[in-house]
All heavy atoms as atom14 arrays in JSON, in Angstrom:
{
  "sequence": "YELLHAFAHDKKLRLEMFPEMSFEKRLDGISKGRYDVLATGTV",
  "atom14_mask": [
    [1, 1, 1, 1, 1, 1, 1, 1, 1, 1, 1, 1, 0, 0],
    [1, 1, 1, 1, 1, 1, 1, 1, 1, 0, 0, 0, 0, 0],
    [1, 1, 1, 1, 1, 1, 1, 1, 0, 0, 0, 0, 0, 0],
    [1, 1, 1, 1, 1, 1, 1, 1, 0, 0, 0, 0, 0, 0],
    [1, 1, 1, 1, 1, 1, 1, 1, 1, 1, 0, 0, 0, 0],
    [1, 1, 1, 1, 1, 0, 0, 0, 0, 0, 0, 0, 0, 0],
    [1, 1, 1, 1, 1, 1, 1, 1, 1, 1, 1, 0, 0, 0],
    [1, 1, 1, 1, 1, 0, 0, 0, 0, 0, 0, 0, 0, 0],
    [1, 1, 1, 1, 1, 1, 1, 1, 1, 1, 0, 0, 0, 0],
    [1, 1, 1, 1, 1, 1, 1, 1, 0, 0, 0, 0, 0, 0],
    [1, 1, 1, 1, 1, 1, 1, 1, 1, 0, 0, 0, 0, 0],
    [1, 1, 1, 1, 1, 1, 1, 1, 1, 0, 0, 0, 0, 0],
    [1, 1, 1, 1, 1, 1, 1, 1, 0, 0, 0, 0, 0, 0],
    [1, 1, 1, 1, 1, 1, 1, 1, 1, 1, 1, 0, 0, 0],
    [1, 1, 1, 1, 1, 1, 1, 1, 0, 0, 0, 0, 0, 0],
    [1, 1, 1, 1, 1, 1, 1, 1, 1, 0, 0, 0, 0, 0],
    [1, 1, 1, 1, 1, 1, 1, 1, 0, 0, 0, 0, 0, 0],
    [1, 1, 1, 1, 1, 1, 1, 1, 1, 1, 1, 0, 0, 0],
    [1, 1, 1, 1, 1, 1, 1, 0, 0, 0, 0, 0, 0, 0],
    [1, 1, 1, 1, 1, 1, 1, 1, 1, 0, 0, 0, 0, 0],
    [1, 1, 1, 1, 1, 1, 1, 1, 0, 0, 0, 0, 0, 0],
    [1, 1, 1, 1, 1, 1, 0, 0, 0, 0, 0, 0, 0, 0],
    [1, 1, 1, 1, 1, 1, 1, 1, 1, 1, 1, 0, 0, 0],
    [1, 1, 1, 1, 1, 1, 1, 1, 1, 0, 0, 0, 0, 0],
    [1, 1, 1, 1, 1, 1, 1, 1, 1, 0, 0, 0, 0, 0],
    [1, 1, 1, 1, 1, 1, 1, 1, 1, 1, 1, 0, 0, 0],
    [1, 1, 1, 1, 1, 1, 1, 1, 0, 0, 0, 0, 0, 0],
    [1, 1, 1, 1, 1, 1, 1, 1, 0, 0, 0, 0, 0, 0],
    [1, 1, 1, 1, 0, 0, 0, 0, 0, 0, 0, 0, 0, 0],
    [1, 1, 1, 1, 1, 1, 1, 1, 0, 0, 0, 0, 0, 0],
    [1, 1, 1, 1, 1, 1, 0, 0, 0, 0, 0, 0, 0, 0],
    [1, 1, 1, 1, 1, 1, 1, 1, 1, 0, 0, 0, 0, 0],
    [1, 1, 1, 1, 0, 0, 0, 0, 0, 0, 0, 0, 0, 0],
    [1, 1, 1, 1, 1, 1, 1, 1, 1, 1, 1, 0, 0, 0],
    [1, 1, 1, 1, 1, 1, 1, 1, 1, 1, 1, 1, 0, 0],
    [1, 1, 1, 1, 1, 1, 1, 1, 0, 0, 0, 0, 0, 0],
    [1, 1, 1, 1, 1, 1, 1, 0, 0, 0, 0, 0, 0, 0],
    [1, 1, 1, 1, 1, 1, 1, 1, 0, 0, 0, 0, 0, 0],
    [1, 1, 1, 1, 1, 0, 0, 0, 0, 0, 0, 0, 0, 0],
    [1, 1, 1, 1, 1, 1, 1, 0, 0, 0, 0, 0, 0, 0],
    [1, 1, 1, 1, 0, 0, 0, 0, 0, 0, 0, 0, 0, 0],
    [1, 1, 1, 1, 1, 1, 1, 0, 0, 0, 0, 0, 0, 0],
    [1, 1, 1, 1, 1, 1, 1, 0, 0, 0, 0, 0, 0, 0]
  ],
  "atom14_positions": [
    [[-21.89, 9.54, -7.17], [-22.08, 9.97, -8.54], [-23.57, 10.05, -8.89], [-24.04, 11.04, -9.47], [-21.39, 9.0, -9.5], [-21.8, 9.18, -10.94], [-21.35, 10.27, -11.68], [-22.66, 8.29, -11.56], [-21.75, 10.5, -12.99], [-23.08, 8.48, -12.88], [-22.62, 9.57, -13.57], [-23.03, 9.78, -14.88], [0.0, 0.0, 0.0], [0.0, 0.0, 0.0]],
    [[-24.31, 9.0, -8.57], [-25.73, 8.96, -8.94], [-26.54, 10.02, -8.18], [-27.49, 10.62, -8.72], [-26.33, 7.55, -8.72], [-25.72, 6.52, -9.67], [-26.42, 5.17, -9.61], [-27.68, 5.18, -9.53], [-25.73, 4.13, -9.58], [0.0, 0.0, 0.0], [0.0, 0.0, 0.0], [0.0, 0.0, 0.0], [0.0, 0.0, 0.0], [0.0, 0.0, 0.0]],
    [[-26.17, 10.23, -6.94], [-26.86, 11.23, -6.13], [-26.61, 12.64, -6.67], [-27.55, 13.44, -6.86], [-26.43, 11.14, -4.68], [-27.14, 12.03, -3.65], [-28.64, 11.77, -3.66], [-26.57, 11.81, -2.26], [0.0, 0.0, 0.0], [0.0, 0.0, 0.0], [0.0, 0.0, 0.0], [0.0, 0.0, 0.0], [0.0, 0.0, 0.0], [0.0, 0.0, 0.0]],
    [[-25.37, 12.95, -6.96], [-25.05, 14.3, -7.48], [-25.57, 14.45, -8.91], [-25.97, 15.56, -9.32], [-23.55, 14.54, -7.45], [-23.11, 15.97, -7.74], [-23.72, 16.96, -6.74], [-21.6, 16.1, -7.72], [0.0, 0.0, 0.0], [0.0, 0.0, 0.0], [0.0, 0.0, 0.0], [0.0, 0.0, 0.0], [0.0, 0.0, 0.0], [0.0, 0.0, 0.0]],
    [[-25.6, 13.39, -9.68], [-26.16, 13.43, -11.03], [-27.64, 13.79, -10.95], [-28.14, 14.55, -11.83], [-25.96, 12.07, -11.73], [-26.32, 12.1, -13.18], [-27.61, 11.89, -13.61], [-25.56, 12.31, -14.29], [-27.63, 11.98, -14.94], [-26.42, 12.23, -15.37], [0.0, 0.0, 0.0], [0.0, 0.0, 0.0], [0.0, 0.0, 0.0], [0.0, 0.0, 0.0]],
    [[-28.36, 13.25, -9.97], [-29.79, 13.56, -9.81], [-29.96, 15.07, -9.49], [-30.88, 15.71, -9.99], [-30.39, 12.7, -8.72], [0.0, 0.0, 0.0], [0.0, 0.0, 0.0], [0.0, 0.0, 0.0], [0.0, 0.0, 0.0], [0.0, 0.0, 0.0], [0.0, 0.0, 0.0], [0.0, 0.0, 0.0], [0.0, 0.0, 0.0], [0.0, 0.0, 0.0]],
    [[-29.06, 15.59, -8.64], [-29.1, 17.03, -8.3], [-28.87, 17.85, -9.6], [-29.63, 18.8, -9.89], [-28.05, 17.38, -7.28], [-27.84, 18.84, -7.08], [-28.68, 19.58, -6.27], [-26.77, 19.49, -7.68], [-28.5, 20.93, -6.09], [-26.53, 20.85, -7.51], [-27.42, 21.58, -6.69], [0.0, 0.0, 0.0], [0.0, 0.0, 0.0], [0.0, 0.0, 0.0]],
    [[-27.84, 17.52, -10.35], [-27.51, 18.26, -11.55], [-28.65, 18.18, -12.57], [-28.96, 19.17, -13.22], [-26.2, 17.73, -12.17], [0.0, 0.0, 0.0], [0.0, 0.0, 0.0], [0.0, 0.0, 0.0], [0.0, 0.0, 0.0], [0.0, 0.0, 0.0], [0.0, 0.0, 0.0], [0.0, 0.0, 0.0], [0.0, 0.0, 0.0], [0.0, 0.0, 0.0]],
    [[-29.25, 17.01, -12.7], [-30.36, 16.85, -13.63], [-31.52, 17.74, -13.23], [-32.11, 18.41, -14.1], [-30.8, 15.38, -13.67], [-31.95, 15.1, -14.56], [-31.85, 15.06, -15.96], [-33.28, 14.91, -14.28], [-33.04, 14.83, -16.47], [-33.92, 14.73, -15.48], [0.0, 0.0, 0.0], [0.0, 0.0, 0.0], [0.0, 0.0, 0.0], [0.0, 0.0, 0.0]],
    [[-31.86, 17.77, -11.96], [-32.97, 18.59, -11.47], [-32.69, 20.05, -11.7], [-33.61, 20.85, -11.98], [-33.22, 18.34, -10.0], [-34.04, 17.08, -9.74], [-34.4, 16.43, -10.74], [-34.27, 16.75, -8.56], [0.0, 0.0, 0.0], [0.0, 0.0, 0.0], [0.0, 0.0, 0.0], [0.0, 0.0, 0.0], [0.0, 0.0, 0.0], [0.0, 0.0, 0.0]],
    [[-31.45, 20.47, -11.58], [-31.06, 21.87, -11.76], [-30.67, 22.21, -13.2], [-30.26, 23.34, -13.46], [-29.89, 22.19, -10.81], [-30.15, 21.96, -9.37], [-31.28, 22.85, -8.84], [-31.48, 22.66, -7.34], [-32.58, 23.52, -6.82], [0.0, 0.0, 0.0], [0.0, 0.0, 0.0], [0.0, 0.0, 0.0], [0.0, 0.0, 0.0], [0.0, 0.0, 0.0]],
    [[-30.84, 21.22, -14.1], [-30.49, 21.44, -15.53], [-29.02, 21.83, -15.7], [-28.7, 22.75, -16.49], [-31.42, 22.44, -16.17], [-32.89, 21.97, -16.2], [-33.79, 23.01, -16.84], [-35.19, 22.46, -17.01], [-35.82, 21.94, -15.79], [0.0, 0.0, 0.0], [0.0, 0.0, 0.0], [0.0, 0.0, 0.0], [0.0, 0.0, 0.0], [0.0, 0.0, 0.0]],
    [[-28.14, 21.18, -14.98], [-26.69, 21.42, -15.07], [-26.02, 20.2, -15.69], [-26.47, 19.06, -15.48], [-26.1, 21.66, -13.68], [-26.62, 22.91, -12.92], [-26.06, 22.89, -11.48], [-26.19, 24.2, -13.6], [0.0, 0.0, 0.0], [0.0, 0.0, 0.0], [0.0, 0.0, 0.0], [0.0, 0.0, 0.0], [0.0, 0.0, 0.0], [0.0, 0.0, 0.0]],
    [[-24.95, 20.4, -16.39], [-24.14, 19.33, -16.91], [-23.11, 19.0, -15.85], [-22.38, 19.87, -15.39], [-23.45, 19.75, -18.22], [-22.66, 18.61, -18.87], [-22.25, 19.0, -20.29], [-21.33, 20.14, -20.27], [-20.01, 20.03, -20.25], [-19.44, 18.87, -20.17], [-19.24, 21.11, -20.27], [0.0, 0.0, 0.0], [0.0, 0.0, 0.0], [0.0, 0.0, 0.0]],
    [[-23.06, 17.74, -15.47], [-22.14, 17.28, -14.39], [-20.84, 16.8, -14.98], [-20.83, 15.94, -15.87], [-22.79, 16.18, -13.57], [-21.95, 15.59, -12.45], [-21.57, 16.66, -11.4], [-22.66, 14.4, -11.78], [0.0, 0.0, 0.0], [0.0, 0.0, 0.0], [0.0, 0.0, 0.0], [0.0, 0.0, 0.0], [0.0, 0.0, 0.0], [0.0, 0.0, 0.0]],
    [[-19.73, 17.33, -14.47], [-18.39, 16.84, -14.8], [-17.79, 16.28, -13.53], [-17.61, 16.99, -12.53], [-17.52, 17.97, -15.35], [-17.96, 18.52, -16.7], [-17.02, 19.59, -17.24], [-16.11, 20.0, -16.48], [-17.22, 20.03, -18.37], [0.0, 0.0, 0.0], [0.0, 0.0, 0.0], [0.0, 0.0, 0.0], [0.0, 0.0, 0.0], [0.0, 0.0, 0.0]],
    [[-17.45, 14.99, -13.57], [-16.86, 14.33, -12.39], [-15.4, 13.99, -12.66], [-15.05, 13.49, -13.73], [-17.6, 13.02, -12.07], [-19.04, 13.2, -11.59], [-19.15, 13.78, -9.85], [-18.98, 12.26, -8.96], [0.0, 0.0, 0.0], [0.0, 0.0, 0.0], [0.0, 0.0, 0.0], [0.0, 0.0, 0.0], [0.0, 0.0, 0.0], [0.0, 0.0, 0.0]],
    [[-14.57, 14.29, -11.68], [-13.12, 14.06, -11.81], [-12.66, 13.13, -10.66], [-12.68, 13.55, -9.49], [-12.36, 15.37, -11.73], [-12.72, 16.36, -12.82], [-13.77, 17.25, -12.64], [-11.99, 16.38, -13.99], [-14.1, 18.15, -13.64], [-12.35, 17.29, -15.01], [-13.4, 18.18, -14.81], [0.0, 0.0, 0.0], [0.0, 0.0, 0.0], [0.0, 0.0, 0.0]],
    [[-12.3, 11.89, -10.96], [-11.8, 11.01, -9.9], [-10.38, 11.39, -9.49], [-9.54, 11.67, -10.33], [-11.83, 9.63, -10.55], [-11.74, 9.88, -12.02], [-12.39, 11.22, -12.27], [0.0, 0.0, 0.0], [0.0, 0.0, 0.0], [0.0, 0.0, 0.0], [0.0, 0.0, 0.0], [0.0, 0.0, 0.0], [0.0, 0.0, 0.0], [0.0, 0.0, 0.0]],
    [[-10.13, 11.45, -8.18], [-8.83, 11.78, -7.64], [-8.63, 10.99, -6.35], [-9.43, 11.09, -5.41], [-8.77, 13.29, -7.34], [-7.52, 13.76, -6.59], [-6.23, 13.37, -7.29], [-6.0, 13.84, -8.4], [-5.48, 12.53, -6.69], [0.0, 0.0, 0.0], [0.0, 0.0, 0.0], [0.0, 0.0, 0.0], [0.0, 0.0, 0.0], [0.0, 0.0, 0.0]],
    [[-7.58, 10.17, -6.33], [-7.37, 9.27, -5.2], [-6.82, 9.97, -3.97], [-7.05, 9.54, -2.83], [-6.43, 8.13, -5.59], [-6.94, 7.26, -6.75], [-8.66, 6.71, -6.55], [-8.48, 5.64, -5.12], [0.0, 0.0, 0.0], [0.0, 0.0, 0.0], [0.0, 0.0, 0.0], [0.0, 0.0, 0.0], [0.0, 0.0, 0.0], [0.0, 0.0, 0.0]],
    [[-6.08, 11.05, -4.14], [-5.45, 11.74, -3.03], [-6.45, 12.69, -2.33], [-6.97, 13.61, -2.96], [-4.24, 12.53, -3.5], [-3.81, 13.46, -2.51], [0.0, 0.0, 0.0], [0.0, 0.0, 0.0], [0.0, 0.0, 0.0], [0.0, 0.0, 0.0], [0.0, 0.0, 0.0], [0.0, 0.0, 0.0], [0.0, 0.0, 0.0], [0.0, 0.0, 0.0]],
    [[-6.65, 12.49, -1.04], [-7.53, 13.37, -0.29], [-6.99, 14.81, -0.31], [-7.75, 15.78, -0.45], [-7.67, 12.88, 1.16], [-8.48, 13.81, 2.04], [-9.85, 13.82, 1.98], [-7.84, 14.68, 2.93], [-10.6, 14.67, 2.78], [-8.58, 15.54, 3.74], [-9.95, 15.54, 3.66], [0.0, 0.0, 0.0], [0.0, 0.0, 0.0], [0.0, 0.0, 0.0]],
    [[-5.66, 14.96, -0.15], [-5.07, 16.29, -0.14], [-5.3, 17.01, -1.48], [-5.54, 18.21, -1.51], [-3.58, 16.19, 0.16], [-3.25, 15.64, 1.55], [-3.77, 16.56, 2.68], [-3.92, 17.76, 2.41], [-3.98, 16.06, 3.76], [0.0, 0.0, 0.0], [0.0, 0.0, 0.0], [0.0, 0.0, 0.0], [0.0, 0.0, 0.0], [0.0, 0.0, 0.0]],
    [[-5.19, 16.28, -2.59], [-5.4, 16.89, -3.91], [-6.86, 17.25, -4.12], [-7.17, 18.24, -4.77], [-4.88, 15.96, -5.0], [-3.38, 15.84, -5.06], [-2.92, 14.98, -6.2], [-1.39, 14.89, -6.26], [-0.93, 14.01, -7.34], [0.0, 0.0, 0.0], [0.0, 0.0, 0.0], [0.0, 0.0, 0.0], [0.0, 0.0, 0.0], [0.0, 0.0, 0.0]],
    [[-7.76, 16.43, -3.59], [-9.19, 16.78, -3.69], [-9.45, 18.08, -2.94], [-10.14, 18.98, -3.43], [-10.05, 15.64, -3.11], [-10.02, 14.37, -3.92], [-11.16, 13.44, -3.57], [-11.1, 12.91, -2.24], [-10.52, 11.8, -1.87], [-9.86, 11.08, -2.77], [-10.54, 11.37, -0.59], [0.0, 0.0, 0.0], [0.0, 0.0, 0.0], [0.0, 0.0, 0.0]],
    [[-8.88, 18.15, -1.76], [-9.05, 19.36, -0.92], [-8.44, 20.58, -1.6], [-9.05, 21.67, -1.62], [-8.4, 19.12, 0.45], [-8.89, 19.97, 1.62], [-10.36, 19.74, 1.88], [-8.08, 19.61, 2.87], [0.0, 0.0, 0.0], [0.0, 0.0, 0.0], [0.0, 0.0, 0.0], [0.0, 0.0, 0.0], [0.0, 0.0, 0.0], [0.0, 0.0, 0.0]],
    [[-7.26, 20.4, -2.17], [-6.58, 21.51, -2.85], [-7.4, 21.98, -4.06], [-7.48, 23.18, -4.34], [-5.19, 21.04, -3.3], [-4.39, 22.15, -3.96], [-4.03, 23.12, -3.24], [-4.14, 22.07, -5.18], [0.0, 0.0, 0.0], [0.0, 0.0, 0.0], [0.0, 0.0, 0.0], [0.0, 0.0, 0.0], [0.0, 0.0, 0.0], [0.0, 0.0, 0.0]],
    [[-8.0, 21.03, -4.79], [-8.79, 21.39, -5.96], [-10.01, 22.19, -5.59], [-10.42, 23.1, -6.31], [0.0, 0.0, 0.0], [0.0, 0.0, 0.0], [0.0, 0.0, 0.0], [0.0, 0.0, 0.0], [0.0, 0.0, 0.0], [0.0, 0.0, 0.0], [0.0, 0.0, 0.0], [0.0, 0.0, 0.0], [0.0, 0.0, 0.0], [0.0, 0.0, 0.0]],
    [[-10.65, 21.84, -4.46], [-11.8, 22.63, -3.98], [-11.33, 24.0, -3.55], [-11.93, 25.03, -3.86], [-12.5, 21.91, -2.81], [-13.17, 20.62, -3.29], [-13.52, 22.82, -2.13], [-14.39, 20.84, -4.17], [0.0, 0.0, 0.0], [0.0, 0.0, 0.0], [0.0, 0.0, 0.0], [0.0, 0.0, 0.0], [0.0, 0.0, 0.0], [0.0, 0.0, 0.0]],
    [[-10.23, 24.06, -2.82], [-9.71, 25.33, -2.29], [-9.38, 26.3, -3.42], [-9.64, 27.5, -3.32], [-8.46, 25.06, -1.45], [-7.84, 26.23, -1.06], [0.0, 0.0, 0.0], [0.0, 0.0, 0.0], [0.0, 0.0, 0.0], [0.0, 0.0, 0.0], [0.0, 0.0, 0.0], [0.0, 0.0, 0.0], [0.0, 0.0, 0.0], [0.0, 0.0, 0.0]],
    [[-8.79, 25.79, -4.52], [-8.37, 26.64, -5.62], [-9.44, 26.87, -6.69], [-9.21, 27.58, -7.65], [-7.1, 26.07, -6.25], [-5.91, 26.16, -5.3], [-4.66, 25.55, -5.92], [-3.48, 25.7, -4.95], [-2.26, 25.03, -5.44], [0.0, 0.0, 0.0], [0.0, 0.0, 0.0], [0.0, 0.0, 0.0], [0.0, 0.0, 0.0], [0.0, 0.0, 0.0]],
    [[-10.57, 26.21, -6.55], [-11.68, 26.45, -7.47], [-11.67, 25.58, -8.72], [-12.46, 25.82, -9.63], [0.0, 0.0, 0.0], [0.0, 0.0, 0.0], [0.0, 0.0, 0.0], [0.0, 0.0, 0.0], [0.0, 0.0, 0.0], [0.0, 0.0, 0.0], [0.0, 0.0, 0.0], [0.0, 0.0, 0.0], [0.0, 0.0, 0.0], [0.0, 0.0, 0.0]],
    [[-10.8, 24.55, -8.76], [-10.86, 23.66, -9.93], [-12.13, 22.84, -9.91], [-12.64, 22.44, -10.95], [-9.64, 22.73, -9.92], [-8.32, 23.4, -10.24], [-7.23, 22.38, -10.59], [-6.9, 21.53, -9.46], [-6.01, 21.82, -8.52], [-5.37, 22.98, -8.57], [-5.77, 20.99, -7.55], [0.0, 0.0, 0.0], [0.0, 0.0, 0.0], [0.0, 0.0, 0.0]],
    [[-12.63, 22.56, -8.71], [-13.87, 21.81, -8.55], [-14.83, 22.6, -7.65], [-14.39, 23.39, -6.82], [-13.59, 20.43, -7.9], [-12.39, 19.72, -8.46], [-11.3, 19.45, -7.65], [-12.36, 19.31, -9.78], [-10.19, 18.79, -8.14], [-11.24, 18.66, -10.29], [-10.16, 18.38, -9.46], [-9.05, 17.73, -9.95], [0.0, 0.0, 0.0], [0.0, 0.0, 0.0]],
    [[-16.13, 22.33, -7.84], [-17.14, 23.03, -7.05], [-17.58, 22.22, -5.83], [-17.91, 22.78, -4.79], [-18.38, 23.3, -7.92], [-18.05, 24.09, -9.17], [-17.38, 25.15, -9.03], [-18.47, 23.66, -10.27], [0.0, 0.0, 0.0], [0.0, 0.0, 0.0], [0.0, 0.0, 0.0], [0.0, 0.0, 0.0], [0.0, 0.0, 0.0], [0.0, 0.0, 0.0]],
    [[-17.62, 20.89, -5.96], [-18.12, 20.01, -4.92], [-17.15, 18.85, -4.71], [-16.66, 18.25, -5.63], [-19.5, 19.43, -5.3], [-20.05, 18.57, -4.16], [-20.49, 20.52, -5.66], [0.0, 0.0, 0.0], [0.0, 0.0, 0.0], [0.0, 0.0, 0.0], [0.0, 0.0, 0.0], [0.0, 0.0, 0.0], [0.0, 0.0, 0.0], [0.0, 0.0, 0.0]],
    [[-16.87, 18.58, -3.43], [-16.15, 17.39, -3.03], [-17.19, 16.32, -2.78], [-17.78, 16.25, -1.72], [-15.3, 17.65, -1.79], [-14.55, 16.46, -1.16], [-13.72, 15.76, -2.2], [-13.72, 16.91, 0.02], [0.0, 0.0, 0.0], [0.0, 0.0, 0.0], [0.0, 0.0, 0.0], [0.0, 0.0, 0.0], [0.0, 0.0, 0.0], [0.0, 0.0, 0.0]],
    [[-17.43, 15.5, -3.81], [-18.58, 14.58, -3.79], [-18.13, 13.17, -3.49], [-18.29, 12.26, -4.32], [-19.33, 14.65, -5.11], [0.0, 0.0, 0.0], [0.0, 0.0, 0.0], [0.0, 0.0, 0.0], [0.0, 0.0, 0.0], [0.0, 0.0, 0.0], [0.0, 0.0, 0.0], [0.0, 0.0, 0.0], [0.0, 0.0, 0.0], [0.0, 0.0, 0.0]],
    [[-17.58, 12.98, -2.34], [-17.28, 11.65, -1.85], [-17.43, 11.74, -0.34], [-17.19, 12.81, 0.25], [-15.88, 11.16, -2.23], [-15.74, 9.78, -1.89], [-14.78, 11.96, -1.57], [0.0, 0.0, 0.0], [0.0, 0.0, 0.0], [0.0, 0.0, 0.0], [0.0, 0.0, 0.0], [0.0, 0.0, 0.0], [0.0, 0.0, 0.0], [0.0, 0.0, 0.0]],
    [[-17.9, 10.69, 0.3], [-18.16, 10.75, 1.74], [-16.94, 11.19, 2.53], [-15.96, 10.44, 2.61], [0.0, 0.0, 0.0], [0.0, 0.0, 0.0], [0.0, 0.0, 0.0], [0.0, 0.0, 0.0], [0.0, 0.0, 0.0], [0.0, 0.0, 0.0], [0.0, 0.0, 0.0], [0.0, 0.0, 0.0], [0.0, 0.0, 0.0], [0.0, 0.0, 0.0]],
    [[-16.99, 12.38, 3.08], [-15.84, 12.92, 3.81], [-16.23, 13.09, 5.28], [-17.32, 13.6, 5.59], [-15.44, 14.3, 3.24], [-15.12, 14.13, 1.84], [-14.23, 14.87, 3.96], [0.0, 0.0, 0.0], [0.0, 0.0, 0.0], [0.0, 0.0, 0.0], [0.0, 0.0, 0.0], [0.0, 0.0, 0.0], [0.0, 0.0, 0.0], [0.0, 0.0, 0.0]],
    [[-15.38, 12.63, 6.17], [-15.66, 12.69, 7.6], [-15.71, 14.15, 8.04], [-14.79, 14.93, 7.75], [-14.61, 11.93, 8.41], [-14.9, 12.01, 9.9], [-14.55, 10.46, 7.98], [0.0, 0.0, 0.0], [0.0, 0.0, 0.0], [0.0, 0.0, 0.0], [0.0, 0.0, 0.0], [0.0, 0.0, 0.0], [0.0, 0.0, 0.0], [0.0, 0.0, 0.0]]
  ]
}
């Protein structure tokens, strides 16, 4: 969160973070465009 917040601040963007416990749902959200970045350490 803090790392991506620093990126958004530098780029003058408003950051919206959505917590999601399911890896599959996170992936699906990126695939369908609900989210722009999967911002959690992913192997």
